[in-house]
Amino acid sequence: MSTTFERSTEAPAQVKPPLPTSGYPLHTLSLLVRNKPGVLTRVSLIFARRGYNIESLVVSPDMQNGEFSRITITCSGDPETLEQIIKQMTKLIDVVRAVDHTGAHVIETEIALVKLRADIDKRTEILQIAEHYKAKVVDYGEGSLILRVYGESEKIDSVISLLSRFAIEELVRSGKILMVRGFEST
């Protein structure tokens, strides 16, 4: 059975960088969890019950044997509520460690893929922006380009803001990942 999708003929909407949903700063949490079914659901339910918004969420295997996973959550909301959320998460059987890294010395990065409608007359300007931000062109199409850009979230926001005056067809962001500097565990 095949499914067909029709492409909209409307002009693409202008893409703006995501903003926190509240006046609170963004917090970045790192969780080390046992790699078992349902852990992510239980963690996200704690946020939902407290009315806390998750801005981005990244899950990846942590140890080589596949026993653990690392969850990186970027969220915004009341700091006192966040403290209660962290306490609740550490009570979950499958959560080994939960840490708020906000304000800590960490290395952060994020990846974005940006597909642009790029006619020949616009490509030079797009490629200059890409070069400035060290974005890599990963696909040249007849009328499109796909750029891959990585770095801190502010860098991704900035390049997307500059590219938004062109026709952004699609945008995919990975969400933030981080690692604590030195020998301290993330």
C-alpha atoms as a PDB file:
ATOM      1  CA  MET A   1       0.000   0.000   0.000  1.00  0.00           C
ATOM      2  CA  SER A   2       1.450   3.334  -0.971  1.00  0.00           C
ATOM      3  CA  THR A   3       0.695   6.686   0.530  1.00  0.00           C
ATOM      4  CA  THR A   4       0.998   9.903  -1.399  1.00  0.00           C
ATOM      5  CA  PHE A   5       1.509  13.319   0.081  1.00  0.00           C
ATOM      6  CA  GLU A   6       0.656  16.507  -1.710  1.00  0.00           C
ATOM      7  CA  ARG A   7       3.039  19.437  -1.462  1.00  0.00           C
ATOM      8  CA  SER A   8       1.482  22.724  -0.467  1.00  0.00           C
ATOM      9  CA  THR A   9       1.761  25.479  -3.052  1.00  0.00           C
ATOM     10  CA  GLU A  10       1.622  28.152  -0.361  1.00  0.00           C
ATOM     11  CA  ALA A  11       4.738  30.146   0.444  1.00  0.00           C
ATOM     12  CA  PRO A  12       6.655  28.648   3.349  1.00  0.00           C
ATOM     13  CA  ALA A  13       6.127  30.253   6.743  1.00  0.00           C
ATOM     14  CA  GLN A  14       8.961  32.334   8.126  1.00  0.00           C
ATOM     15  CA  VAL A  15      10.949  30.272  10.618  1.00  0.00           C
ATOM     16  CA  LYS A  16      11.916  32.002  13.831  1.00  0.00           C
ATOM     17  CA  PRO A  17      14.275  30.651  16.478  1.00  0.00           C
ATOM     18  CA  PRO A  18      12.461  28.941  19.345  1.00  0.00           C
ATOM     19  CA  LEU A  19      11.951  31.011  22.442  1.00  0.00           C
ATOM     20  CA  PRO A  20      11.381  29.823  25.982  1.00  0.00           C
ATOM     21  CA  THR A  21       7.676  29.493  26.688  1.00  0.00           C
ATOM     22  CA  SER A  22       7.964  31.492  29.893  1.00  0.00           C
ATOM     23  CA  GLY A  23       9.956  34.334  31.369  1.00  0.00           C
ATOM     24  CA  TYR A  24      12.189  31.804  33.111  1.00  0.00           C
ATOM     25  CA  PRO A  25      15.686  30.917  31.878  1.00  0.00           C
ATOM     26  CA  LEU A  26      16.363  27.641  30.119  1.00  0.00           C
ATOM     27  CA  HIS A  27      17.662  24.817  32.306  1.00  0.00           C
ATOM     28  CA  THR A  28      19.638  21.862  31.009  1.00  0.00           C
ATOM     29  CA  LEU A  29      19.288  18.578  32.866  1.00  0.00           C
ATOM     30  CA  SER A  30      21.274  15.406  32.415  1.00  0.00           C
ATOM     31  CA  LEU A  31      19.874  12.053  33.516  1.00  0.00           C
ATOM     32  CA  LEU A  32      21.593   8.700  33.607  1.00  0.00           C
ATOM     33  CA  VAL A  33      18.903   6.030  33.401  1.00  0.00           C
ATOM     34  CA  ARG A  34      18.662   2.292  33.024  1.00  0.00           C
ATOM     35  CA  ASN A  35      17.914   1.409  29.422  1.00  0.00           C
ATOM     36  CA  LYS A  36      14.475  -0.135  30.024  1.00  0.00           C
ATOM     37  CA  PRO A  37      11.066   0.323  28.393  1.00  0.00           C
ATOM     38  CA  GLY A  38       8.888   3.053  29.911  1.00  0.00           C
ATOM     39  CA  VAL A  39      11.642   5.096  31.602  1.00  0.00           C
ATOM     40  CA  LEU A  40      11.227   8.073  29.265  1.00  0.00           C
ATOM     41  CA  THR A  41       7.457   7.996  29.771  1.00  0.00           C
ATOM     42  CA  ARG A  42       7.809   8.070  33.563  1.00  0.00           C
ATOM     43  CA  VAL A  43      10.331  10.920  33.387  1.00  0.00           C
ATOM     44  CA  SER A  44       8.186  13.014  31.032  1.00  0.00           C
ATOM     45  CA  LEU A  45       5.083  12.423  33.178  1.00  0.00           C
ATOM     46  CA  ILE A  46       6.832  14.069  36.133  1.00  0.00           C
ATOM     47  CA  PHE A  47       7.309  17.196  34.001  1.00  0.00           C
ATOM     48  CA  ALA A  48       3.727  17.067  32.707  1.00  0.00           C
ATOM     49  CA  ARG A  49       2.196  16.715  36.184  1.00  0.00           C
ATOM     50  CA  ARG A  50       4.067  19.821  37.328  1.00  0.00           C
ATOM     51  CA  GLY A  51       3.100  21.840  34.234  1.00  0.00           C
ATOM     52  CA  TYR A  52       6.727  22.184  33.208  1.00  0.00           C
ATOM     53  CA  ASN A  53       7.508  22.499  29.499  1.00  0.00           C
ATOM     54  CA  ILE A  54      10.259  20.435  27.871  1.00  0.00           C
ATOM     55  CA  GLU A  55      11.909  22.513  25.128  1.00  0.00           C
ATOM     56  CA  SER A  56      14.135  19.702  23.802  1.00  0.00           C
ATOM     57  CA  LEU A  57      14.896  16.114  24.701  1.00  0.00           C
ATOM     58  CA  VAL A  58      17.751  13.917  23.504  1.00  0.00           C
ATOM     59  CA  VAL A  59      18.210  10.257  24.440  1.00  0.00           C
ATOM     60  CA  SER A  60      21.291   8.223  23.581  1.00  0.00           C
ATOM     61  CA  PRO A  61      23.064   5.090  24.796  1.00  0.00           C
ATOM     62  CA  ASP A  62      25.670   5.860  27.446  1.00  0.00           C
ATOM     63  CA  MET A  63      27.686   2.752  28.189  1.00  0.00           C
ATOM     64  CA  GLN A  64      29.045   0.292  25.659  1.00  0.00           C
ATOM     65  CA  ASN A  65      27.072  -2.620  27.054  1.00  0.00           C
ATOM     66  CA  GLY A  66      23.711  -0.886  26.459  1.00  0.00           C
ATOM     67  CA  GLU A  67      22.669  -1.066  30.102  1.00  0.00           C
ATOM     68  CA  PHE A  68      22.310   2.720  30.514  1.00  0.00           C
ATOM     69  CA  SER A  69      21.081   5.705  28.507  1.00  0.00           C
ATOM     70  CA  ARG A  70      21.700   9.409  28.883  1.00  0.00           C
ATOM     71  CA  ILE A  71      18.776  11.794  28.657  1.00  0.00           C
ATOM     72  CA  THR A  72      19.471  15.499  28.113  1.00  0.00           C
ATOM     73  CA  ILE A  73      16.467  17.741  28.728  1.00  0.00           C
ATOM     74  CA  THR A  74      16.258  21.470  28.058  1.00  0.00           C
ATOM     75  CA  CYS A  75      13.292  23.029  29.841  1.00  0.00           C
ATOM     76  CA  SER A  76      11.982  26.309  31.178  1.00  0.00           C
ATOM     77  CA  GLY A  77       9.939  27.094  34.228  1.00  0.00           C
ATOM     78  CA  ASP A  78       9.959  28.001  37.886  1.00  0.00           C
ATOM     79  CA  PRO A  79      13.288  27.049  39.583  1.00  0.00           C
ATOM     80  CA  GLU A  80      11.543  25.808  42.762  1.00  0.00           C
ATOM     81  CA  THR A  81       9.326  23.491  40.717  1.00  0.00           C
ATOM     82  CA  LEU A  82      12.381  22.250  38.823  1.00  0.00           C
ATOM     83  CA  GLU A  83      14.031  21.356  42.128  1.00  0.00           C
ATOM     84  CA  GLN A  84      10.971  19.257  43.054  1.00  0.00           C
ATOM     85  CA  ILE A  85      11.005  17.601  39.611  1.00  0.00           C
ATOM     86  CA  ILE A  86      14.658  16.600  40.043  1.00  0.00           C
ATOM     87  CA  LYS A  87      13.905  15.165  43.506  1.00  0.00           C
ATOM     88  CA  GLN A  88      10.976  13.174  42.097  1.00  0.00           C
ATOM     89  CA  MET A  89      13.072  11.861  39.196  1.00  0.00           C
ATOM     90  CA  THR A  90      15.826  10.612  41.512  1.00  0.00           C
ATOM     91  CA  LYS A  91      13.181   8.576  43.365  1.00  0.00           C
ATOM     92  CA  LEU A  92      12.363   6.632  40.185  1.00  0.00           C
ATOM     93  CA  ILE A  93      13.941   3.173  40.321  1.00  0.00           C
ATOM     94  CA  ASP A  94      15.472   3.382  36.839  1.00  0.00           C
ATOM     95  CA  VAL A  95      16.960   6.880  37.253  1.00  0.00           C
ATOM     96  CA  VAL A  96      20.563   6.547  38.441  1.00  0.00           C
ATOM     97  CA  ARG A  97      21.403  10.265  38.476  1.00  0.00           C
ATOM     98  CA  ALA A  98      19.650  13.557  37.644  1.00  0.00           C
ATOM     99  CA  VAL A  99      21.631  16.812  37.550  1.00  0.00           C
ATOM    100  CA  ASP A 100      20.745  20.409  36.624  1.00  0.00           C
ATOM    101  CA  HIS A 101      23.740  21.775  34.708  1.00  0.00           C
ATOM    102  CA  THR A 102      22.439  25.330  34.419  1.00  0.00           C
ATOM    103  CA  GLY A 103      25.340  27.721  34.966  1.00  0.00           C
ATOM    104  CA  ALA A 104      27.909  24.872  35.197  1.00  0.00           C
ATOM    105  CA  HIS A 105      31.081  24.646  33.093  1.00  0.00           C
ATOM    106  CA  VAL A 106      29.920  22.367  30.299  1.00  0.00           C
ATOM    107  CA  ILE A 107      30.493  21.792  26.611  1.00  0.00           C
ATOM    108  CA  GLU A 108      27.182  22.080  24.758  1.00  0.00           C
ATOM    109  CA  THR A 109      26.341  21.434  21.152  1.00  0.00           C
ATOM    110  CA  GLU A 110      23.353  21.049  18.893  1.00  0.00           C
ATOM    111  CA  ILE A 111      22.927  20.129  15.228  1.00  0.00           C
ATOM    112  CA  ALA A 112      20.447  21.504  12.723  1.00  0.00           C
ATOM    113  CA  LEU A 113      19.617  20.592   9.141  1.00  0.00           C
ATOM    114  CA  VAL A 114      18.114  23.449   7.125  1.00  0.00           C
ATOM    115  CA  LYS A 115      16.570  22.886   3.691  1.00  0.00           C
ATOM    116  CA  LEU A 116      16.312  26.081   1.665  1.00  0.00           C
ATOM    117  CA  ARG A 117      14.710  26.917  -1.631  1.00  0.00           C
ATOM    118  CA  ALA A 118      17.796  28.306  -3.346  1.00  0.00           C
ATOM    119  CA  ASP A 119      17.575  29.656  -6.828  1.00  0.00           C
ATOM    120  CA  ILE A 120      20.898  30.324  -8.553  1.00  0.00           C
ATOM    121  CA  ASP A 121      20.738  34.082  -7.864  1.00  0.00           C
ATOM    122  CA  LYS A 122      20.353  33.507  -4.097  1.00  0.00           C
ATOM    123  CA  ARG A 123      22.984  30.786  -3.614  1.00  0.00           C
ATOM    124  CA  THR A 124      25.990  33.090  -3.274  1.00  0.00           C
ATOM    125  CA  GLU A 125      24.453  34.922  -0.328  1.00  0.00           C
ATOM    126  CA  ILE A 126      23.298  31.678   1.305  1.00  0.00           C
ATOM    127  CA  LEU A 127      26.751  30.134   0.859  1.00  0.00           C
ATOM    128  CA  GLN A 128      28.394  33.209   2.403  1.00  0.00           C
ATOM    129  CA  ILE A 129      26.204  32.858   5.500  1.00  0.00           C
ATOM    130  CA  ALA A 130      26.974  29.130   5.597  1.00  0.00           C
ATOM    131  CA  GLU A 131      30.712  29.796   5.359  1.00  0.00           C
ATOM    132  CA  HIS A 132      30.609  32.390   8.134  1.00  0.00           C
ATOM    133  CA  TYR A 133      28.898  29.927  10.498  1.00  0.00           C
ATOM    134  CA  LYS A 134      31.000  26.975   9.302  1.00  0.00           C
ATOM    135  CA  ALA A 135      27.836  25.253   8.093  1.00  0.00           C
ATOM    136  CA  LYS A 136      28.352  22.480   5.578  1.00  0.00           C
ATOM    137  CA  VAL A 137      26.312  22.084   2.427  1.00  0.00           C
ATOM    138  CA  VAL A 138      25.260  18.429   2.545  1.00  0.00           C
ATOM    139  CA  ASP A 139      22.958  18.471  -0.486  1.00  0.00           C
ATOM    140  CA  TYR A 140      22.873  20.549  -3.657  1.00  0.00           C
ATOM    141  CA  GLY A 141      19.599  20.215  -5.499  1.00  0.00           C
ATOM    142  CA  GLU A 142      18.450  21.888  -8.680  1.00  0.00           C
ATOM    143  CA  GLY A 143      16.536  24.497  -6.718  1.00  0.00           C
ATOM    144  CA  SER A 144      17.446  23.675  -3.135  1.00  0.00           C
ATOM    145  CA  LEU A 145      20.272  23.368  -0.635  1.00  0.00           C
ATOM    146  CA  ILE A 146      20.506  21.501   2.649  1.00  0.00           C
ATOM    147  CA  LEU A 147      22.881  22.934   5.234  1.00  0.00           C
ATOM    148  CA  ARG A 148      24.171  21.166   8.338  1.00  0.00           C
ATOM    149  CA  VAL A 149      25.229  23.507  11.132  1.00  0.00           C
ATOM    150  CA  TYR A 150      26.381  22.597  14.614  1.00  0.00           C
ATOM    151  CA  GLY A 151      27.416  24.457  17.730  1.00  0.00           C
ATOM    152  CA  GLU A 152      25.856  26.143  20.724  1.00  0.00           C
ATOM    153  CA  SER A 153      22.123  26.831  20.618  1.00  0.00           C
ATOM    154  CA  GLU A 154      22.707  30.576  20.225  1.00  0.00           C
ATOM    155  CA  LYS A 155      24.757  29.937  17.066  1.00  0.00           C
ATOM    156  CA  ILE A 156      21.985  27.756  15.625  1.00  0.00           C
ATOM    157  CA  ASP A 157      19.393  30.434  16.477  1.00  0.00           C
ATOM    158  CA  SER A 158      21.542  33.092  14.790  1.00  0.00           C
ATOM    159  CA  VAL A 159      22.096  31.207  11.529  1.00  0.00           C
ATOM    160  CA  ILE A 160      18.400  30.293  11.327  1.00  0.00           C
ATOM    161  CA  SER A 161      17.494  33.924  11.874  1.00  0.00           C
ATOM    162  CA  LEU A 162      19.750  35.004   8.996  1.00  0.00           C
ATOM    163  CA  LEU A 163      18.504  32.244   6.709  1.00  0.00           C
ATOM    164  CA  SER A 164      14.841  32.965   7.484  1.00  0.00           C
ATOM    165  CA  ARG A 165      14.739  35.732   4.856  1.00  0.00           C
ATOM    166  CA  PHE A 166      15.217  32.980   2.269  1.00  0.00           C
ATOM    167  CA  ALA A 167      12.604  30.297   1.741  1.00  0.00           C
ATOM    168  CA  ILE A 168      13.239  27.721   4.474  1.00  0.00           C
ATOM    169  CA  GLU A 169      11.394  24.598   3.375  1.00  0.00           C
ATOM    170  CA  GLU A 170      12.293  22.369   6.337  1.00  0.00           C
ATOM    171  CA  LEU A 171      14.188  22.668   9.580  1.00  0.00           C
ATOM    172  CA  VAL A 172      15.246  19.883  11.938  1.00  0.00           C
ATOM    173  CA  ARG A 173      17.133  20.485  15.197  1.00  0.00           C
ATOM    174  CA  SER A 174      18.641  17.765  17.338  1.00  0.00           C
ATOM    175  CA  GLY A 175      18.213  19.373  20.727  1.00  0.00           C
ATOM    176  CA  LYS A 176      21.075  20.193  23.045  1.00  0.00           C
ATOM    177  CA  ILE A 177      23.617  17.652  24.233  1.00  0.00           C
ATOM    178  CA  LEU A 178      26.259  18.443  26.828  1.00  0.00           C
ATOM    179  CA  MET A 179      29.186  17.124  28.790  1.00  0.00           C
ATOM    180  CA  VAL A 180      30.724  18.529  31.988  1.00  0.00           C
ATOM    181  CA  ARG A 181      34.303  19.744  31.638  1.00  0.00           C
ATOM    182  CA  GLY A 182      37.068  17.878  33.475  1.00  0.00           C
ATOM    183  CA  PHE A 183      36.629  14.553  35.245  1.00  0.00           C
ATOM    184  CA  GLU A 184      33.291  15.264  36.944  1.00  0.00           C
ATOM    185  CA  SER A 185      30.457  13.024  35.685  1.00  0.00           C
ATOM    186  CA  THR A 186      27.814  14.547  33.461  1.00  0.00           C
END
